[in-house]
């Protein structure tokens, strides 16, 4: 019952907002009235660019370090469980 009430309340609040957003036309301003905005086709200087290859290499390196760390963690936990299982199997006599 609470879910239905929450859904109805959400719809009651969302429908007028959606209608208001659709009824307002997009503003159309001429290029001169854009307060001095001038689109740029190319970077002005080398300082204005982002060194993408370096960032991509750092991101891939970070991901590989995380993956290797996770695999190492799983391997060490699995070997510990195997040692504990072996110790328990030595303590419990085998059934015939």
Protein backbone atom coordinates (compact mmCIF):
# COMPACT_ATOMS: atom_id res chain seq x y z
CA UNK A 1 0.00 0.00 0.00
CA UNK A 2 2.90 2.37 0.76
CA UNK A 3 4.44 1.67 -2.64
CA UNK A 4 1.22 2.54 -4.42
CA UNK A 5 0.88 5.75 -2.43
CA UNK A 6 4.48 6.71 -3.20
CA UNK A 7 3.94 5.98 -6.91
CA UNK A 8 0.75 8.07 -7.03
CA UNK A 9 2.47 10.95 -5.21
CA UNK A 10 5.43 10.78 -7.59
CA UNK A 11 3.14 10.85 -10.62
CA UNK A 12 1.12 13.75 -9.18
CA UNK A 13 4.32 15.75 -8.72
CA UNK A 14 6.07 14.70 -11.94
CA UNK A 15 3.28 15.22 -14.48
CA UNK A 16 2.91 19.01 -13.98
CA UNK A 17 6.69 19.44 -14.04
CA UNK A 18 6.97 17.51 -17.29
CA UNK A 19 4.13 19.50 -18.84
CA UNK A 20 5.72 22.80 -17.78
CA UNK A 21 9.06 21.77 -19.21
CA UNK A 22 7.50 20.89 -22.56
CA UNK A 23 5.43 24.06 -22.83
CA UNK A 24 8.41 26.44 -22.67
CA UNK A 25 10.01 27.01 -26.09
CA UNK A 26 13.75 26.85 -26.43
CA UNK A 27 15.32 30.32 -26.38
CA UNK A 28 16.47 31.55 -29.78
CA UNK A 29 19.13 34.19 -29.58
CA UNK A 30 21.12 35.60 -32.46
CA UNK A 31 24.85 35.00 -32.51
CA UNK A 32 25.56 38.65 -31.61
CA UNK A 33 23.52 38.41 -28.41
CA UNK A 34 25.56 35.57 -26.92
CA UNK A 35 27.71 37.88 -24.81
CA UNK A 36 30.93 37.48 -26.74
CA UNK A 37 30.90 33.69 -27.18
CA UNK A 38 33.10 32.68 -30.08
CA UNK A 39 33.36 28.98 -31.00
CA UNK A 40 36.91 27.66 -31.32
CA UNK A 41 37.79 25.10 -33.97
CA UNK A 42 41.27 24.12 -32.74
CA UNK A 43 43.17 24.48 -29.47
CA UNK A 44 44.73 27.88 -29.02
CA UNK A 45 47.94 26.55 -27.48
CA UNK A 46 49.48 23.27 -26.35
CA UNK A 47 48.55 24.12 -22.75
CA UNK A 48 44.84 24.03 -23.66
CA UNK A 49 44.92 20.35 -24.59
CA UNK A 50 44.60 17.29 -22.38
CA UNK A 51 47.35 14.65 -22.81
CA UNK A 52 44.94 11.84 -23.66
CA UNK A 53 47.48 9.05 -24.38
CA UNK A 54 49.11 9.53 -20.98
CA UNK A 55 45.76 9.57 -19.16
CA UNK A 56 44.58 6.46 -21.00
CA UNK A 57 47.83 4.64 -20.17
CA UNK A 58 47.52 5.61 -16.50
CA UNK A 59 43.90 4.43 -16.43
CA UNK A 60 44.75 1.07 -18.04
CA UNK A 61 47.71 0.64 -15.70
CA UNK A 62 45.51 1.33 -12.68
CA UNK A 63 42.89 -1.18 -13.86
CA UNK A 64 45.55 -3.87 -14.41
CA UNK A 65 47.03 -3.27 -10.95
CA UNK A 66 43.55 -3.63 -9.42
CA UNK A 67 42.87 -6.83 -11.39
CA UNK A 68 46.23 -8.39 -10.42
CA UNK A 69 45.68 -7.38 -6.80
CA UNK A 70 42.26 -9.02 -6.80
CA UNK A 71 43.56 -12.21 -8.41
CA UNK A 72 46.42 -12.36 -5.90
CA UNK A 73 43.96 -11.87 -3.04
CA UNK A 74 41.70 -14.66 -4.28
CA UNK A 75 44.68 -16.98 -4.81
CA UNK A 76 46.02 -16.39 -1.31
CA UNK A 77 42.62 -16.89 0.30
CA UNK A 78 42.06 -20.07 -1.72
CA UNK A 79 45.44 -21.51 -0.70
CA UNK A 80 44.65 -20.73 2.96
CA UNK A 81 41.30 -22.55 2.65
CA UNK A 82 43.02 -25.52 1.00
CA UNK A 83 45.55 -25.70 3.86
CA UNK A 84 42.76 -25.57 6.44
CA UNK A 85 40.81 -28.26 4.58
CA UNK A 86 43.89 -30.48 4.48
CA UNK A 87 44.44 -29.98 8.22
CA UNK A 88 40.83 -30.88 8.98
CA UNK A 89 40.97 -33.96 6.75
CA UNK A 90 44.07 -35.19 8.64
CA UNK A 91 42.27 -34.82 11.98
CA UNK A 92 39.08 -36.60 10.91
CA UNK A 93 39.52 -40.36 10.45
CA UNK A 94 38.58 -41.76 7.05
CA UNK A 95 35.34 -43.79 6.96
CA UNK A 96 35.40 -47.27 5.49
